[in-house]
PDB file of N, CA and C in Angstrom:
ATOM      1  N   MET A   1      75.921 247.941  37.180  1.00  0.00           N
ATOM      2  CA  MET A   1      76.054 249.368  37.154  1.00  0.00           C
ATOM      3  C   MET A   1      74.597 250.059  36.745  1.00  0.00           C
ATOM      4  N   PRO A   2      73.933 250.582  36.823  1.00  0.00           N
ATOM      5  CA  PRO A   2      73.048 251.232  36.659  1.00  0.00           C
ATOM      6  C   PRO A   2      73.449 252.325  35.281  1.00  0.00           C
ATOM      7  N   ASP A   3      72.875 252.643  34.218  1.00  0.00           N
ATOM      8  CA  ASP A   3      72.903 253.517  33.347  1.00  0.00           C
ATOM      9  C   ASP A   3      71.626 254.709  33.317  1.00  0.00           C
ATOM     10  N   ILE A   4      72.300 255.844  33.793  1.00  0.00           N
ATOM     11  CA  ILE A   4      71.140 256.503  33.742  1.00  0.00           C
ATOM     12  C   ILE A   4      71.015 257.534  32.361  1.00  0.00           C
ATOM     13  N   THR A   5      69.719 258.172  31.806  1.00  0.00           N
ATOM     14  CA  THR A   5      70.000 258.651  30.711  1.00  0.00           C
ATOM     15  C   THR A   5      68.774 260.222  30.708  1.00  0.00           C
ATOM     16  N   ILE A   6      69.141 260.942  30.320  1.00  0.00           N
ATOM     17  CA  ILE A   6      68.086 261.990  30.663  1.00  0.00           C
ATOM     18  C   ILE A   6      68.030 263.021  29.032  1.00  0.00           C
ATOM     19  N   THR A   7      66.213 262.974  28.931  1.00  0.00           N
ATOM     20  CA  THR A   7      66.372 263.703  27.714  1.00  0.00           C
ATOM     21  C   THR A   7      66.228 265.233  28.043  1.00  0.00           C
ATOM     22  N   VAL A   8      66.699 266.414  27.157  1.00  0.00           N
ATOM     23  CA  VAL A   8      66.208 267.558  27.516  1.00  0.00           C
ATOM     24  C   VAL A   8      65.881 267.928  25.757  1.00  0.00           C
ATOM     25  N   THR A   9      65.294 269.444  26.209  1.00  0.00           N
ATOM     26  CA  THR A   9      64.651 269.953  24.878  1.00  0.00           C
ATOM     27  C   THR A   9      66.013 270.322  23.799  1.00  0.00           C
ATOM     28  N   ASP A  10      65.977 270.936  22.423  1.00  0.00           N
ATOM     29  CA  ASP A  10      67.273 271.396  22.062  1.00  0.00           C
ATOM     30  C   ASP A  10      67.090 272.564  22.599  1.00  0.00           C
ATOM     31  N   THR A  11      66.158 273.214  23.127  1.00  0.00           N
ATOM     32  CA  THR A  11      66.472 274.835  23.764  1.00  0.00           C
ATOM     33  C   THR A  11      67.159 274.859  25.245  1.00  0.00           C
ATOM     34  N   GLN A  12      66.923 273.308  25.862  1.00  0.00           N
ATOM     35  CA  GLN A  12      67.255 273.214  27.153  1.00  0.00           C
ATOM     36  C   GLN A  12      68.958 273.045  26.986  1.00  0.00           C
ATOM     37  N   ASN A  13      69.248 272.145  25.774  1.00  0.00           N
ATOM     38  CA  ASN A  13      70.741 271.897  25.459  1.00  0.00           C
ATOM     39  C   ASN A  13      71.735 272.901  25.399  1.00  0.00           C
ATOM     40  N   ARG A  14      71.049 273.880  24.324  1.00  0.00           N
ATOM     41  CA  ARG A  14      71.671 275.125  24.125  1.00  0.00           C
ATOM     42  C   ARG A  14      71.917 275.986  25.275  1.00  0.00           C
ATOM     43  N   CYS A  15      70.771 276.289  26.407  1.00  0.00           N
ATOM     44  CA  CYS A  15      71.361 276.635  27.501  1.00  0.00           C
ATOM     45  C   CYS A  15      72.224 276.132  28.223  1.00  0.00           C
ATOM     46  N   LEU A  16      72.230 274.899  28.263  1.00  0.00           N
ATOM     47  CA  LEU A  16      73.288 274.185  29.214  1.00  0.00           C
ATOM     48  C   LEU A  16      74.688 274.530  28.330  1.00  0.00           C
ATOM     49  N   GLU A  17      74.629 274.328  27.131  1.00  0.00           N
ATOM     50  CA  GLU A  17      76.036 274.818  26.384  1.00  0.00           C
ATOM     51  C   GLU A  17      76.610 276.023  26.777  1.00  0.00           C
ATOM     52  N   TYR A  18      75.599 277.023  27.167  1.00  0.00           N
ATOM     53  CA  TYR A  18      76.014 278.424  27.383  1.00  0.00           C
ATOM     54  C   TYR A  18      76.528 278.268  28.510  1.00  0.00           C
ATOM     55  N   ALA A  19      76.010 277.459  29.503  1.00  0.00           N
ATOM     56  CA  ALA A  19      76.023 277.265  30.901  1.00  0.00           C
ATOM     57  C   ALA A  19      77.546 276.422  31.679  1.00  0.00           C
ATOM     58  N   ALA A  20      77.740 275.478  30.528  1.00  0.00           N
ATOM     59  CA  ALA A  20      79.045 275.038  30.777  1.00  0.00           C
ATOM     60  C   ALA A  20      79.792 274.266  29.491  1.00  0.00           C
ATOM     61  N   ASN A  21      80.816 273.673  29.781  1.00  0.00           N
ATOM     62  CA  ASN A  21      81.702 273.689  28.517  1.00  0.00           C
ATOM     63  C   ASN A  21      81.630 271.978  28.870  1.00  0.00           C
ATOM     64  N   GLY A  22      80.624 271.804  27.783  1.00  0.00           N
ATOM     65  CA  GLY A  22      80.354 270.048  27.831  1.00  0.00           C
ATOM     66  C   GLY A  22      79.476 269.608  28.847  1.00  0.00           C
ATOM     67  N   VAL A  23      78.246 269.631  28.336  1.00  0.00           N
ATOM     68  CA  VAL A  23      76.773 269.173  28.965  1.00  0.00           C
ATOM     69  C   VAL A  23      77.227 267.671  29.335  1.00  0.00           C
ATOM     70  N   GLN A  24      77.494 267.065  28.765  1.00  0.00           N
ATOM     71  CA  GLN A  24      77.647 265.637  29.549  1.00  0.00           C
ATOM     72  C   GLN A  24      78.384 265.423  30.686  1.00  0.00           C
ATOM     73  N   THR A  25      79.766 266.170  30.397  1.00  0.00           N
ATOM     74  CA  THR A  25      80.649 266.423  31.652  1.00  0.00           C
ATOM     75  C   THR A  25      79.974 267.436  32.530  1.00  0.00           C
ATOM     76  N   TRP A  26      79.462 267.759  32.065  1.00  0.00           N
ATOM     77  CA  TRP A  26      78.587 268.863  33.613  1.00  0.00           C
ATOM     78  C   TRP A  26      77.564 267.922  34.454  1.00  0.00           C
ATOM     79  N   CYS A  27      76.572 267.234  33.686  1.00  0.00           N
ATOM     80  CA  CYS A  27      75.828 266.150  33.931  1.00  0.00           C
ATOM     81  C   CYS A  27      76.416 265.126  35.016  1.00  0.00           C
ATOM     82  N   ASP A  28      77.523 264.705  34.137  1.00  0.00           N
ATOM     83  CA  ASP A  28      78.247 263.526  35.301  1.00  0.00           C
ATOM     84  C   ASP A  28      78.789 264.015  36.154  1.00  0.00           C
ATOM     85  N   ASN A  29      79.439 265.442  36.466  1.00  0.00           N
ATOM     86  CA  ASN A  29      79.755 266.288  37.811  1.00  0.00           C
ATOM     87  C   ASN A  29      78.950 266.201  38.725  1.00  0.00           C
ATOM     88  N   ALA A  30      77.650 266.680  38.089  1.00  0.00           N
ATOM     89  CA  ALA A  30      76.744 266.725  39.054  1.00  0.00           C
ATOM     90  C   ALA A  30      76.023 265.894  39.668  1.00  0.00           C
ATOM     91  N   ILE A  31      75.990 264.322  39.100  1.00  0.00           N
ATOM     92  CA  ILE A  31      75.395 263.147  39.570  1.00  0.00           C
ATOM     93  C   ILE A  31      76.569 262.595  40.960  1.00  0.00           C
ATOM     94  N   HIS A  32      77.844 262.957  40.245  1.00  0.00           N
ATOM     95  CA  HIS A  32      78.531 262.037  41.045  1.00  0.00           C
ATOM     96  C   HIS A  32      79.184 263.061  42.443  1.00  0.00           C
ATOM     97  N   SER A  33      78.707 264.015  42.133  1.00  0.00           N
ATOM     98  CA  SER A  33      78.818 265.359  43.424  1.00  0.00           C
ATOM     99  C   SER A  33      77.881 264.895  44.304  1.00  0.00           C
ATOM    100  N   ARG A  34      76.748 264.835  43.857  1.00  0.00           N
ATOM    101  CA  ARG A  34      75.494 264.667  45.103  1.00  0.00           C
ATOM    102  C   ARG A  34      75.502 263.255  45.214  1.00  0.00           C
ATOM    103  N   ALA A  35      75.727 262.179  44.771  1.00  0.00           N
ATOM    104  CA  ALA A  35      75.886 261.202  45.142  1.00  0.00           C
ATOM    105  C   ALA A  35      77.130 261.417  46.051  1.00  0.00           C
ATOM    106  N   GLN A  36      78.257 261.754  46.057  1.00  0.00           N
ATOM    107  CA  GLN A  36      79.361 261.445  47.213  1.00  0.00           C
ATOM    108  C   GLN A  36      78.705 262.324  48.488  1.00  0.00           C
ATOM    109  N   ALA A  37      78.030 263.264  48.326  1.00  0.00           N
ATOM    110  CA  ALA A  37      77.327 264.029  49.512  1.00  0.00           C
ATOM    111  C   ALA A  37      76.722 263.056  50.309  1.00  0.00           C
ATOM    112  N   ALA A  38      75.602 262.706  49.162  1.00  0.00           N
ATOM    113  CA  ALA A  38      74.653 261.790  50.169  1.00  0.00           C
ATOM    114  C   ALA A  38      75.617 260.322  50.760  1.00  0.00           C
ATOM    115  N   GLN A  39      76.642 259.896  50.078  1.00  0.00           N
ATOM    116  CA  GLN A  39      77.318 258.721  50.809  1.00  0.00           C
ATOM    117  C   GLN A  39      78.029 259.136  51.818  1.00  0.00           C
ATOM    118  N   GLN A  40      78.504 260.463  51.972  1.00  0.00           N
ATOM    119  CA  GLN A  40      78.783 261.227  53.372  1.00  0.00           C
ATOM    120  C   GLN A  40      77.962 261.034  54.438  1.00  0.00           C
ATOM    121  N   GLU A  41      76.811 261.508  54.308  1.00  0.00           N
ATOM    122  CA  GLU A  41      75.715 261.335  55.078  1.00  0.00           C
ATOM    123  C   GLU A  41      75.151 260.333  55.380  1.00  0.00           C
ATOM    124  N   ILE A  42      75.087 259.088  54.392  1.00  0.00           N
ATOM    125  CA  ILE A  42      74.383 258.387  55.051  1.00  0.00           C
ATOM    126  C   ILE A  42      75.438 257.401  55.929  1.00  0.00           C
ATOM    127  N   ILE A  43      77.045 257.364  55.525  1.00  0.00           N
ATOM    128  CA  ILE A  43      78.190 257.017  56.476  1.00  0.00           C
ATOM    129  C   ILE A  43      78.090 257.505  57.607  1.00  0.00           C
ATOM    130  N   ALA A  44      78.002 258.776  57.935  1.00  0.00           N
ATOM    131  CA  ALA A  44      77.764 259.310  59.247  1.00  0.00           C
ATOM    132  C   ALA A  44      76.770 259.152  59.987  1.00  0.00           C
ATOM    133  N   LEU A  45      75.616 258.860  59.739  1.00  0.00           N
ATOM    134  CA  LEU A  45      74.420 258.296  60.296  1.00  0.00           C
ATOM    135  C   LEU A  45      74.867 257.005  60.916  1.00  0.00           C
ATOM    136  N   LEU A  46      75.490 256.017  59.573  1.00  0.00           N
ATOM    137  CA  LEU A  46      75.685 254.585  60.138  1.00  0.00           C
ATOM    138  C   LEU A  46      76.235 254.470  61.305  1.00  0.00           C
ATOM    139  N   ILE A  47      77.507 255.543  61.207  1.00  0.00           N
ATOM    140  CA  ILE A  47      78.638 255.668  62.286  1.00  0.00           C
ATOM    141  C   ILE A  47      78.016 255.964  63.928  1.00  0.00           C
ATOM    142  N   GLU A  48      77.153 256.711  63.513  1.00  0.00           N
ATOM    143  CA  GLU A  48      76.310 257.476  64.785  1.00  0.00           C
ATOM    144  C   GLU A  48      75.350 256.355  65.324  1.00  0.00           C
ATOM    145  N   HIS A  49      74.429 255.616  64.478  1.00  0.00           N
ATOM    146  CA  HIS A  49      74.039 254.715  65.192  1.00  0.00           C
ATOM    147  C   HIS A  49      74.613 253.405  65.508  1.00  0.00           C
ATOM    148  N   CYS A  50      75.719 253.070  64.809  1.00  0.00           N
ATOM    149  CA  CYS A  50      76.528 252.131  65.447  1.00  0.00           C
ATOM    150  C   CYS A  50      76.988 252.157  66.567  1.00  0.00           C
ATOM    151  N   ASN A  51      77.590 253.448  67.037  1.00  0.00           N
ATOM    152  CA  ASN A  51      78.231 253.785  68.185  1.00  0.00           C
ATOM    153  C   ASN A  51      77.272 253.983  69.371  1.00  0.00           C
ATOM    154  N   ALA A  52      76.042 254.200  69.010  1.00  0.00           N
ATOM    155  CA  ALA A  52      74.937 253.924  69.789  1.00  0.00           C
ATOM    156  C   ALA A  52      74.661 253.271  70.156  1.00  0.00           C
ATOM    157  N   ASN A  53      74.836 251.893  69.513  1.00  0.00           N
ATOM    158  CA  ASN A  53      73.980 250.938  69.516  1.00  0.00           C
ATOM    159  C   ASN A  53      75.194 249.304  69.971  1.00  0.00           C
ATOM    160  N   GLY A  54      76.284 249.716  69.797  1.00  0.00           N
ATOM    161  CA  GLY A  54      77.330 248.841  70.095  1.00  0.00           C
ATOM    162  C   GLY A  54      77.250 247.859  69.002  1.00  0.00           C
ATOM    163  N   ILE A  55      77.060 248.813  67.757  1.00  0.00           N
ATOM    164  CA  ILE A  55      77.298 247.387  66.411  1.00  0.00           C
ATOM    165  C   ILE A  55      78.634 247.873  65.637  1.00  0.00           C
ATOM    166  N   ALA A  56      79.160 246.651  65.163  1.00  0.00           N
ATOM    167  CA  ALA A  56      80.306 246.839  64.115  1.00  0.00           C
ATOM    168  C   ALA A  56      80.049 247.416  62.958  1.00  0.00           C
ATOM    169  N   ILE A  57      80.925 248.147  62.687  1.00  0.00           N
ATOM    170  CA  ILE A  57      80.724 248.972  61.268  1.00  0.00           C
ATOM    171  C   ILE A  57      81.697 247.849  60.136  1.00  0.00           C
ATOM    172  N   LYS A  58      80.788 247.623  59.185  1.00  0.00           N
ATOM    173  CA  LYS A  58      81.753 247.119  58.495  1.00  0.00           C
ATOM    174  C   LYS A  58      82.583 247.747  57.297  1.00  0.00           C
ATOM    175  N   THR A  59      83.290 246.897  56.798  1.00  0.00           N
ATOM    176  CA  THR A  59      84.445 247.778  55.982  1.00  0.00           C
ATOM    177  C   THR A  59      84.501 248.200  54.868  1.00  0.00           C
ATOM    178  N   GLY A  60      84.670 249.102  54.626  1.00  0.00           N
ATOM    179  CA  GLY A  60      84.772 249.655  52.669  1.00  0.00           C
ATOM    180  C   GLY A  60      83.016 250.535  52.424  1.00  0.00           C
ATOM    181  N   VAL A  61      83.448 251.313  51.765  1.00  0.00           N
ATOM    182  CA  VAL A  61      82.433 252.056  51.604  1.00  0.00           C
ATOM    183  C   VAL A  61      81.158 251.728  51.074  1.00  0.00           C
ATOM    184  N   ASP A  62      81.057 250.834  50.332  1.00  0.00           N
ATOM    185  CA  ASP A  62      79.900 250.026  49.678  1.00  0.00           C
ATOM    186  C   ASP A  62      79.583 249.303  50.803  1.00  0.00           C
ATOM    187  N   ALA A  63      80.168 248.415  51.537  1.00  0.00           N
ATOM    188  CA  ALA A  63      79.319 247.191  52.348  1.00  0.00           C
ATOM    189  C   ALA A  63      78.723 248.232  53.425  1.00  0.00           C
ATOM    190  N   GLN A  64      79.835 249.662  54.068  1.00  0.00           N
ATOM    191  CA  GLN A  64      78.610 250.480  54.906  1.00  0.00           C
ATOM    192  C   GLN A  64      77.422 251.094  54.542  1.00  0.00           C
ATOM    193  N   VAL A  65      77.456 251.526  52.959  1.00  0.00           N
ATOM    194  CA  VAL A  65      75.839 252.025  52.833  1.00  0.00           C
ATOM    195  C   VAL A  65      75.101 250.750  52.488  1.00  0.00           C
ATOM    196  N   ASP A  66      75.426 250.092  52.254  1.00  0.00           N
ATOM    197  CA  ASP A  66      74.222 248.606  52.025  1.00  0.00           C
ATOM    198  C   ASP A  66      74.029 248.395  53.665  1.00  0.00           C
ATOM    199  N   GLN A  67      75.193 248.637  55.080  1.00  0.00           N
ATOM    200  CA  GLN A  67      74.750 248.331  56.007  1.00  0.00           C
ATOM    201  C   GLN A  67      73.550 249.294  56.630  1.00  0.00           C
ATOM    202  N   ALA A  68      73.860 250.702  56.590  1.00  0.00           N
ATOM    203  CA  ALA A  68      72.682 251.581  56.438  1.00  0.00           C
ATOM    204  C   ALA A  68      71.555 251.395  55.881  1.00  0.00           C
ATOM    205  N   PHE A  69      71.451 250.843  54.518  1.00  0.00           N
ATOM    206  CA  PHE A  69      69.908 250.462  54.206  1.00  0.00           C
ATOM    207  C   PHE A  69      69.732 249.403  55.121  1.00  0.00           C
ATOM    208  N   ASP A  70      70.251 248.213  55.447  1.00  0.00           N
ATOM    209  CA  ASP A  70      69.711 246.760  55.645  1.00  0.00           C
ATOM    210  C   ASP A  70      69.154 247.372  57.699  1.00  0.00           C
ATOM    211  N   LEU A  71      70.303 248.122  58.093  1.00  0.00           N
ATOM    212  CA  LEU A  71      69.621 248.734  59.600  1.00  0.00           C
ATOM    213  C   LEU A  71      68.691 249.326  59.230  1.00  0.00           C
ATOM    214  N   LYS A  72      67.914 249.619  58.434  1.00  0.00           N
ATOM    215  CA  LYS A  72      67.134 250.739  58.460  1.00  0.00           C
ATOM    216  C   LYS A  72      67.152 252.345  59.109  1.00  0.00           C
ATOM    217  N   VAL A  73      68.858 252.350  58.954  1.00  0.00           N
ATOM    218  CA  VAL A  73      69.207 253.961  59.301  1.00  0.00           C
ATOM    219  C   VAL A  73      69.192 255.021  58.491  1.00  0.00           C
ATOM    220  N   VAL A  74      68.778 254.299  57.339  1.00  0.00           N
ATOM    221  CA  VAL A  74      68.620 255.402  56.016  1.00  0.00           C
ATOM    222  C   VAL A  74      67.273 254.707  55.003  1.00  0.00           C
ATOM    223  N   LYS A  75      66.777 255.516  54.291  1.00  0.00           N
ATOM    224  CA  LYS A  75      65.558 255.049  53.934  1.00  0.00           C
ATOM    225  C   LYS A  75      65.569 255.696  52.338  1.00  0.00           C
ATOM    226  N   THR A  76      65.312 255.206  50.973  1.00  0.00           N
ATOM    227  CA  THR A  76      65.342 255.795  49.930  1.00  0.00           C
ATOM    228  C   THR A  76      64.388 256.948  49.702  1.00  0.00           C
ATOM    229  N   ALA A  77      64.556 257.777  49.415  1.00  0.00           N
ATOM    230  CA  ALA A  77      63.495 259.278  49.353  1.00  0.00           C
ATOM    231  C   ALA A  77      62.305 258.662  49.045  1.00  0.00           C
ATOM    232  N   ALA A  78      62.280 257.853  47.928  1.00  0.00           N
ATOM    233  CA  ALA A  78      60.894 257.523  47.598  1.00  0.00           C
ATOM    234  C   ALA A  78      60.118 256.656  48.884  1.00  0.00           C
ATOM    235  N   GLU A  79      60.853 256.011  49.632  1.00  0.00           N
ATOM    236  CA  GLU A  79      60.184 255.335  50.901  1.00  0.00           C
ATOM    237  C   GLU A  79      59.775 256.618  51.888  1.00  0.00           C
ATOM    238  N   ARG A  80      60.855 257.264  52.184  1.00  0.00           N
ATOM    239  CA  ARG A  80      60.497 258.589  53.397  1.00  0.00           C
ATOM    240  C   ARG A  80      59.392 259.230  52.701  1.00  0.00           C
ATOM    241  N   GLU A  81      59.147 259.871  51.264  1.00  0.00           N
ATOM    242  CA  GLU A  81      57.814 260.434  50.553  1.00  0.00           C
ATOM    243  C   GLU A  81      56.541 259.321  50.666  1.00  0.00           C
ATOM    244  N   ALA A  82      56.682 258.170  50.372  1.00  0.00           N
ATOM    245  CA  ALA A  82      55.589 257.314  50.867  1.00  0.00           C
ATOM    246  C   ALA A  82      55.273 257.129  52.483  1.00  0.00           C
ATOM    247  N   GLU A  83      55.761 256.990  53.252  1.00  0.00           N
ATOM    248  CA  GLU A  83      55.445 257.531  54.833  1.00  0.00           C
ATOM    249  C   GLU A  83      54.893 258.818  55.277  1.00  0.00           C
ATOM    250  N   ILE A  84      55.632 259.936  54.297  1.00  0.00           N
ATOM    251  CA  ILE A  84      54.720 261.054  54.642  1.00  0.00           C
ATOM    252  C   ILE A  84      53.567 261.416  54.083  1.00  0.00           C
ATOM    253  N   ASN A  85      53.154 260.712  52.975  1.00  0.00           N
ATOM    254  CA  ASN A  85      52.049 260.489  52.411  1.00  0.00           C
ATOM    255  C   ASN A  85      51.109 259.691  53.223  1.00  0.00           C
ATOM    256  N   ALA A  86      51.462 258.534  53.772  1.00  0.00           N
ATOM    257  CA  ALA A  86      50.921 257.509  54.584  1.00  0.00           C
ATOM    258  C   ALA A  86      49.991 258.478  55.626  1.00  0.00           C
ATOM    259  N   ALA A  87      51.112 258.973  56.303  1.00  0.00           N
ATOM    260  CA  ALA A  87      50.310 259.894  57.397  1.00  0.00           C
ATOM    261  C   ALA A  87      49.680 260.817  57.611  1.00  0.00           C
ATOM    262  N   SER A  88      49.622 261.537  56.203  1.00  0.00           N
ATOM    263  CA  SER A  88      49.257 262.853  56.266  1.00  0.00           C
ATOM    264  C   SER A  88      47.810 262.559  55.867  1.00  0.00           C
ATOM    265  N   PRO A  89      46.951 263.401  56.513  1.00  0.00           N
ATOM    266  CA  PRO A  89      45.254 263.367  56.570  1.00  0.00           C
ATOM    267  C   PRO A  89      44.821 263.008  55.130  1.00  0.00           C
ATOM    268  N   LYS A  90      44.090 262.551  54.939  1.00  0.00           N
ATOM    269  CA  LYS A  90      43.139 262.624  53.979  1.00  0.00           C
ATOM    270  C   LYS A  90      42.206 263.332  53.508  1.00  0.00           C
TER     271      LYS A  90
END
């Protein structure tokens, strides 16, 4: 499991302390919420793709997310950005 660390300035930390009761808790919640939203999007795209193509959907969230990437139903943001940059006129 990856450990994600961020660095903020003292001023940014004070501002976050103003905005949230527990900066680390707020950061954890933000990341978990975004991951959950992405997971729902990925699984919806996988189900649509598998239903349209007669492909059995794997069992379990982890397996379904892996299947979506394996079948190239979804790509990472970095992959999508690289494709856009490669297609852009120079």
